[in-house]
Amino acid sequence: VQLQASGGGLVQAGGSLRLSCAVSVSIFSISIRSVAWHRQAPGKQRELVAAISSGGSANYADSVKGRFTISRDNAKNTAYLQMNSLKPEDTAVYYCEAQVATTNYWGQGTLVTVSS
């Protein structure tokens, strides 16, 4: 199983970005259960940003509620994080995590920088 995160970059405060997490599974029948986005800012611990279940139920960190939206396309094995109204404090490396069968896998991270 491999996770490929993409979509990070530099954006001004108030702007938007959409992150993608493509999950590659070698066995077609293995299902991807939950997918989550985490972030880690410099000098801070990694924190959960948003998660979505296989059925589409989503939950969010309080700091991003109303601004970020997590979604998934099961046919493409891809999850997304739409980030709107970005703030400088959203600056971090964003990581996706996927639960495949009973194992959790992590992507390599994508850097999001929000300038003031």
N, C-alpha and C. Protein backbone atom coordinates (compact mmCIF):
# COMPACT_ATOMS: atom_id res chain seq x y z
N VAL A 1 0.85 -1.19 0.00
CA VAL A 1 0.00 0.00 0.00
C VAL A 1 0.89 1.23 0.00
N GLN A 2 0.57 2.17 -0.88
CA GLN A 2 1.31 3.43 -0.93
C GLN A 2 0.33 4.58 -0.94
N LEU A 3 0.69 5.64 -0.24
CA LEU A 3 -0.11 6.86 -0.21
C LEU A 3 0.71 7.98 -0.83
N GLN A 4 0.11 8.70 -1.74
CA GLN A 4 0.77 9.82 -2.40
C GLN A 4 -0.04 11.08 -2.14
N ALA A 5 0.53 11.97 -1.33
CA ALA A 5 -0.12 13.24 -1.02
C ALA A 5 0.40 14.32 -1.95
N SER A 6 -0.48 15.19 -2.38
CA SER A 6 -0.08 16.28 -3.26
C SER A 6 -1.00 17.47 -3.07
N GLY A 7 -0.62 18.60 -3.65
CA GLY A 7 -1.48 19.77 -3.63
C GLY A 7 -1.03 20.89 -2.72
N GLY A 8 0.02 20.66 -1.97
CA GLY A 8 0.50 21.73 -1.10
C GLY A 8 1.15 22.85 -1.89
N GLY A 9 1.43 23.94 -1.19
CA GLY A 9 2.07 25.07 -1.85
C GLY A 9 2.00 26.30 -0.99
N LEU A 10 2.32 27.42 -1.61
CA LEU A 10 2.31 28.72 -0.93
C LEU A 10 1.06 29.48 -1.34
N VAL A 11 0.34 29.99 -0.36
CA VAL A 11 -0.89 30.73 -0.63
C VAL A 11 -1.00 31.88 0.35
N GLN A 12 -1.66 32.93 -0.07
CA GLN A 12 -1.87 34.06 0.85
C GLN A 12 -3.02 33.76 1.79
N ALA A 13 -2.99 34.41 2.92
CA ALA A 13 -4.08 34.27 3.89
C ALA A 13 -5.41 34.59 3.20
N GLY A 14 -6.40 33.76 3.50
CA GLY A 14 -7.71 33.92 2.87
C GLY A 14 -7.87 33.09 1.61
N GLY A 15 -6.79 32.53 1.13
CA GLY A 15 -6.83 31.74 -0.09
C GLY A 15 -7.25 30.30 0.17
N SER A 16 -7.20 29.51 -0.89
CA SER A 16 -7.64 28.12 -0.83
C SER A 16 -6.61 27.19 -1.47
N LEU A 17 -6.62 25.97 -1.00
CA LEU A 17 -5.84 24.89 -1.60
C LEU A 17 -6.64 23.61 -1.48
N ARG A 18 -6.39 22.67 -2.39
CA ARG A 18 -6.99 21.35 -2.27
C ARG A 18 -5.89 20.30 -2.27
N LEU A 19 -5.83 19.54 -1.20
CA LEU A 19 -4.87 18.46 -1.09
C LEU A 19 -5.51 17.16 -1.57
N SER A 20 -4.69 16.31 -2.16
CA SER A 20 -5.16 15.01 -2.62
C SER A 20 -4.31 13.92 -1.99
N CYS A 21 -4.91 12.79 -1.72
CA CYS A 21 -4.19 11.64 -1.18
C CYS A 21 -4.63 10.42 -1.99
N ALA A 22 -3.77 9.94 -2.85
CA ALA A 22 -4.07 8.78 -3.67
C ALA A 22 -3.53 7.53 -2.97
N VAL A 23 -4.40 6.56 -2.78
CA VAL A 23 -4.03 5.33 -2.09
C VAL A 23 -3.92 4.20 -3.11
N SER A 24 -2.77 3.62 -3.20
CA SER A 24 -2.55 2.50 -4.13
C SER A 24 -2.55 1.20 -3.35
N VAL A 25 -3.42 0.30 -3.74
CA VAL A 25 -3.47 -1.00 -3.10
C VAL A 25 -3.18 -2.07 -4.15
N SER A 26 -2.39 -3.05 -3.77
CA SER A 26 -1.96 -4.06 -4.73
C SER A 26 -3.01 -5.15 -4.94
N ILE A 27 -3.90 -5.28 -3.99
CA ILE A 27 -4.94 -6.29 -4.10
C ILE A 27 -6.27 -5.58 -4.22
N PHE A 28 -6.97 -5.80 -5.33
CA PHE A 28 -8.16 -5.03 -5.64
C PHE A 28 -9.22 -5.11 -4.56
N SER A 29 -9.36 -6.26 -3.94
CA SER A 29 -10.48 -6.45 -3.03
C SER A 29 -10.25 -5.86 -1.65
N ILE A 30 -9.04 -5.41 -1.36
CA ILE A 30 -8.81 -4.82 -0.04
C ILE A 30 -9.50 -3.48 0.03
N SER A 31 -10.24 -3.27 1.08
CA SER A 31 -10.98 -2.02 1.19
C SER A 31 -10.21 -0.99 2.02
N ILE A 32 -10.39 0.25 1.62
CA ILE A 32 -9.81 1.36 2.37
C ILE A 32 -10.86 1.82 3.35
N ARG A 33 -10.55 1.77 4.58
CA ARG A 33 -11.53 2.15 5.60
C ARG A 33 -11.48 3.65 5.81
N SER A 34 -11.02 4.10 6.91
CA SER A 34 -10.99 5.54 7.14
C SER A 34 -9.76 6.17 6.50
N VAL A 35 -9.90 7.43 6.16
CA VAL A 35 -8.79 8.24 5.66
C VAL A 35 -8.77 9.51 6.48
N ALA A 36 -7.59 9.93 6.84
CA ALA A 36 -7.48 11.13 7.67
C ALA A 36 -6.34 12.00 7.17
N TRP A 37 -6.48 13.28 7.49
CA TRP A 37 -5.40 14.25 7.26
C TRP A 37 -4.92 14.73 8.62
N HIS A 38 -3.62 14.76 8.76
CA HIS A 38 -2.97 15.29 9.95
C HIS A 38 -2.04 16.42 9.49
N ARG A 39 -1.61 17.22 10.43
CA ARG A 39 -0.61 18.23 10.10
C ARG A 39 0.35 18.41 11.26
N GLN A 40 1.53 18.86 10.88
CA GLN A 40 2.55 19.14 11.89
C GLN A 40 3.23 20.45 11.54
N ALA A 41 3.05 21.42 12.42
CA ALA A 41 3.70 22.71 12.24
C ALA A 41 5.07 22.67 12.90
N PRO A 42 5.97 23.55 12.50
CA PRO A 42 7.31 23.55 13.09
C PRO A 42 7.26 23.70 14.61
N GLY A 43 7.93 22.80 15.29
CA GLY A 43 8.00 22.88 16.74
C GLY A 43 6.76 22.41 17.47
N LYS A 44 5.80 21.86 16.72
CA LYS A 44 4.56 21.41 17.35
C LYS A 44 4.34 19.93 17.08
N GLN A 45 3.47 19.35 17.86
CA GLN A 45 3.13 17.94 17.67
C GLN A 45 2.18 17.79 16.49
N ARG A 46 2.21 16.62 15.90
CA ARG A 46 1.28 16.32 14.82
C ARG A 46 -0.14 16.28 15.39
N GLU A 47 -1.07 16.85 14.63
CA GLU A 47 -2.46 16.87 15.09
C GLU A 47 -3.39 16.40 13.99
N LEU A 48 -4.48 15.82 14.40
CA LEU A 48 -5.51 15.37 13.46
C LEU A 48 -6.28 16.58 12.96
N VAL A 49 -6.43 16.69 11.66
CA VAL A 49 -7.17 17.80 11.07
C VAL A 49 -8.59 17.38 10.71
N ALA A 50 -8.70 16.25 10.01
CA ALA A 50 -10.00 15.77 9.56
C ALA A 50 -9.90 14.30 9.23
N ALA A 51 -11.02 13.61 9.35
CA ALA A 51 -11.07 12.19 9.02
C ALA A 51 -12.41 11.87 8.39
N ILE A 52 -12.41 10.86 7.55
CA ILE A 52 -13.64 10.45 6.89
C ILE A 52 -13.70 8.93 6.85
N SER A 53 -14.87 8.40 7.19
CA SER A 53 -15.03 6.95 7.23
C SER A 53 -15.32 6.41 5.83
N SER A 54 -15.37 5.10 5.72
CA SER A 54 -15.68 4.48 4.43
C SER A 54 -17.08 4.85 3.96
N GLY A 55 -17.96 5.16 4.92
CA GLY A 55 -19.31 5.52 4.56
C GLY A 55 -19.50 7.01 4.31
N GLY A 56 -18.45 7.78 4.52
CA GLY A 56 -18.53 9.21 4.23
C GLY A 56 -18.74 10.10 5.43
N SER A 57 -18.79 9.54 6.62
CA SER A 57 -18.94 10.38 7.81
C SER A 57 -17.62 11.09 8.11
N ALA A 58 -17.70 12.38 8.36
CA ALA A 58 -16.49 13.18 8.54
C ALA A 58 -16.48 13.85 9.90
N ASN A 59 -15.28 14.05 10.42
CA ASN A 59 -15.13 14.86 11.62
C ASN A 59 -13.90 15.73 11.46
N TYR A 60 -13.88 16.83 12.19
CA TYR A 60 -12.88 17.87 12.01
C TYR A 60 -12.35 18.37 13.34
N ALA A 61 -11.13 18.85 13.30
CA ALA A 61 -10.60 19.58 14.44
C ALA A 61 -11.35 20.89 14.56
N ASP A 62 -11.53 21.36 15.78
CA ASP A 62 -12.27 22.60 15.98
C ASP A 62 -11.64 23.77 15.21
N SER A 63 -10.34 23.75 15.09
CA SER A 63 -9.64 24.88 14.47
C SER A 63 -9.91 25.00 12.96
N VAL A 64 -10.44 23.95 12.34
CA VAL A 64 -10.67 24.00 10.90
C VAL A 64 -12.15 23.85 10.52
N LYS A 65 -13.00 23.64 11.49
CA LYS A 65 -14.42 23.47 11.19
C LYS A 65 -14.97 24.70 10.47
N GLY A 66 -15.73 24.43 9.42
CA GLY A 66 -16.31 25.51 8.64
C GLY A 66 -15.39 26.05 7.56
N ARG A 67 -14.11 25.66 7.59
CA ARG A 67 -13.16 26.13 6.57
C ARG A 67 -12.63 24.98 5.71
N PHE A 68 -12.46 23.82 6.30
CA PHE A 68 -11.92 22.67 5.59
C PHE A 68 -13.02 21.64 5.36
N THR A 69 -12.91 20.94 4.25
CA THR A 69 -13.84 19.87 3.93
C THR A 69 -13.07 18.66 3.44
N ILE A 70 -13.29 17.53 4.09
CA ILE A 70 -12.66 16.28 3.66
C ILE A 70 -13.67 15.50 2.83
N SER A 71 -13.19 14.85 1.79
CA SER A 71 -14.06 14.04 0.95
C SER A 71 -13.24 12.88 0.39
N ARG A 72 -13.93 11.95 -0.22
CA ARG A 72 -13.23 10.82 -0.81
C ARG A 72 -13.97 10.33 -2.05
N ASP A 73 -13.20 9.82 -2.97
CA ASP A 73 -13.74 9.22 -4.18
C ASP A 73 -13.32 7.75 -4.13
N ASN A 74 -14.23 6.90 -3.72
CA ASN A 74 -13.87 5.49 -3.53
C ASN A 74 -13.49 4.81 -4.84
N ALA A 75 -14.07 5.26 -5.93
CA ALA A 75 -13.75 4.65 -7.23
C ALA A 75 -12.30 4.93 -7.62
N LYS A 76 -11.78 6.05 -7.15
CA LYS A 76 -10.40 6.43 -7.48
C LYS A 76 -9.44 6.17 -6.33
N ASN A 77 -9.95 5.65 -5.22
CA ASN A 77 -9.11 5.45 -4.02
C ASN A 77 -8.36 6.72 -3.66
N THR A 78 -9.05 7.82 -3.70
CA THR A 78 -8.43 9.12 -3.44
C THR A 78 -9.27 9.91 -2.45
N ALA A 79 -8.59 10.56 -1.54
CA ALA A 79 -9.24 11.44 -0.58
C ALA A 79 -8.74 12.85 -0.82
N TYR A 80 -9.57 13.80 -0.44
CA TYR A 80 -9.25 15.21 -0.69
C TYR A 80 -9.44 16.00 0.60
N LEU A 81 -8.72 17.10 0.68
CA LEU A 81 -8.94 18.07 1.75
C LEU A 81 -9.01 19.44 1.11
N GLN A 82 -10.22 19.96 1.02
CA GLN A 82 -10.43 21.31 0.50
C GLN A 82 -10.24 22.29 1.64
N MET A 83 -9.30 23.20 1.49
CA MET A 83 -8.98 24.15 2.55
C MET A 83 -9.28 25.56 2.06
N ASN A 84 -10.24 26.19 2.70
CA ASN A 84 -10.63 27.56 2.35
C ASN A 84 -10.32 28.50 3.50
N SER A 85 -10.32 29.77 3.21
CA SER A 85 -10.07 30.80 4.24
C SER A 85 -8.83 30.46 5.05
N LEU A 86 -7.78 30.15 4.36
CA LEU A 86 -6.55 29.72 5.03
C LEU A 86 -5.96 30.84 5.87
N LYS A 87 -5.36 30.44 6.98
CA LYS A 87 -4.75 31.37 7.92
C LYS A 87 -3.26 31.03 8.06
N PRO A 88 -2.45 31.98 8.46
CA PRO A 88 -1.03 31.67 8.66
C PRO A 88 -0.81 30.50 9.62
N GLU A 89 -1.68 30.35 10.59
CA GLU A 89 -1.52 29.25 11.55
C GLU A 89 -1.86 27.89 10.95
N ASP A 90 -2.34 27.86 9.72
CA ASP A 90 -2.55 26.58 9.03
C ASP A 90 -1.25 26.08 8.38
N THR A 91 -0.23 26.89 8.42
CA THR A 91 1.05 26.49 7.85
C THR A 91 1.58 25.25 8.55
N ALA A 92 1.87 24.22 7.77
CA ALA A 92 2.32 22.94 8.33
C ALA A 92 2.61 21.97 7.20
N VAL A 93 3.21 20.86 7.56
CA VAL A 93 3.28 19.73 6.63
C VAL A 93 2.05 18.89 6.89
N TYR A 94 1.32 18.61 5.83
CA TYR A 94 0.08 17.85 5.93
C TYR A 94 0.33 16.41 5.48
N TYR A 95 -0.12 15.48 6.30
CA TYR A 95 0.07 14.06 6.03
C TYR A 95 -1.29 13.37 5.90
N CYS A 96 -1.39 12.46 4.98
CA CYS A 96 -2.60 11.65 4.93
C CYS A 96 -2.30 10.28 5.51
N GLU A 97 -3.33 9.71 6.08
CA GLU A 97 -3.26 8.41 6.70
C GLU A 97 -4.47 7.61 6.25
N ALA A 98 -4.25 6.37 5.92
CA ALA A 98 -5.36 5.52 5.50
C ALA A 98 -5.32 4.20 6.26
N GLN A 99 -6.48 3.77 6.64
CA GLN A 99 -6.59 2.46 7.27
C GLN A 99 -7.03 1.47 6.20
N VAL A 100 -6.16 0.54 5.87
CA VAL A 100 -6.45 -0.47 4.87
C VAL A 100 -6.48 -1.82 5.58
N ALA A 101 -7.62 -2.47 5.49
CA ALA A 101 -7.85 -3.68 6.29
C ALA A 101 -7.66 -3.30 7.76
N THR A 102 -6.66 -3.83 8.43
CA THR A 102 -6.45 -3.52 9.85
C THR A 102 -5.16 -2.76 10.10
N THR A 103 -4.57 -2.23 9.04
CA THR A 103 -3.27 -1.55 9.17
C THR A 103 -3.38 -0.10 8.73
N ASN A 104 -2.70 0.78 9.45
CA ASN A 104 -2.66 2.20 9.09
C ASN A 104 -1.40 2.51 8.30
N TYR A 105 -1.57 3.27 7.24
CA TYR A 105 -0.45 3.67 6.39
C TYR A 105 -0.41 5.19 6.30
N TRP A 106 0.81 5.71 6.10
CA TRP A 106 1.01 7.16 6.03
C TRP A 106 1.66 7.54 4.70
N GLY A 107 1.26 8.73 4.23
CA GLY A 107 1.89 9.31 3.06
C GLY A 107 3.10 10.12 3.48
N GLN A 108 3.77 10.71 2.50
CA GLN A 108 5.04 11.38 2.75
C GLN A 108 4.88 12.82 3.21
N GLY A 109 3.72 13.39 3.14
CA GLY A 109 3.53 14.77 3.57
C GLY A 109 3.65 15.76 2.44
N THR A 110 2.87 16.82 2.53
CA THR A 110 2.94 17.90 1.57
C THR A 110 2.89 19.23 2.35
N LEU A 111 3.76 20.15 1.98
CA LEU A 111 3.92 21.39 2.73
C LEU A 111 2.91 22.44 2.29
N VAL A 112 2.22 23.00 3.25
CA VAL A 112 1.31 24.12 3.03
C VAL A 112 1.86 25.32 3.78
N THR A 113 2.07 26.41 3.05
CA THR A 113 2.57 27.64 3.66
C THR A 113 1.58 28.75 3.37
N VAL A 114 1.10 29.38 4.42
CA VAL A 114 0.13 30.46 4.28
C VAL A 114 0.80 31.75 4.73
N SER A 115 0.91 32.69 3.82
CA SER A 115 1.57 33.96 4.13
C SER A 115 0.53 34.98 4.58
N SER A 116 0.97 35.87 5.45
CA SER A 116 0.04 36.88 5.98
C SER A 116 0.06 38.14 5.14
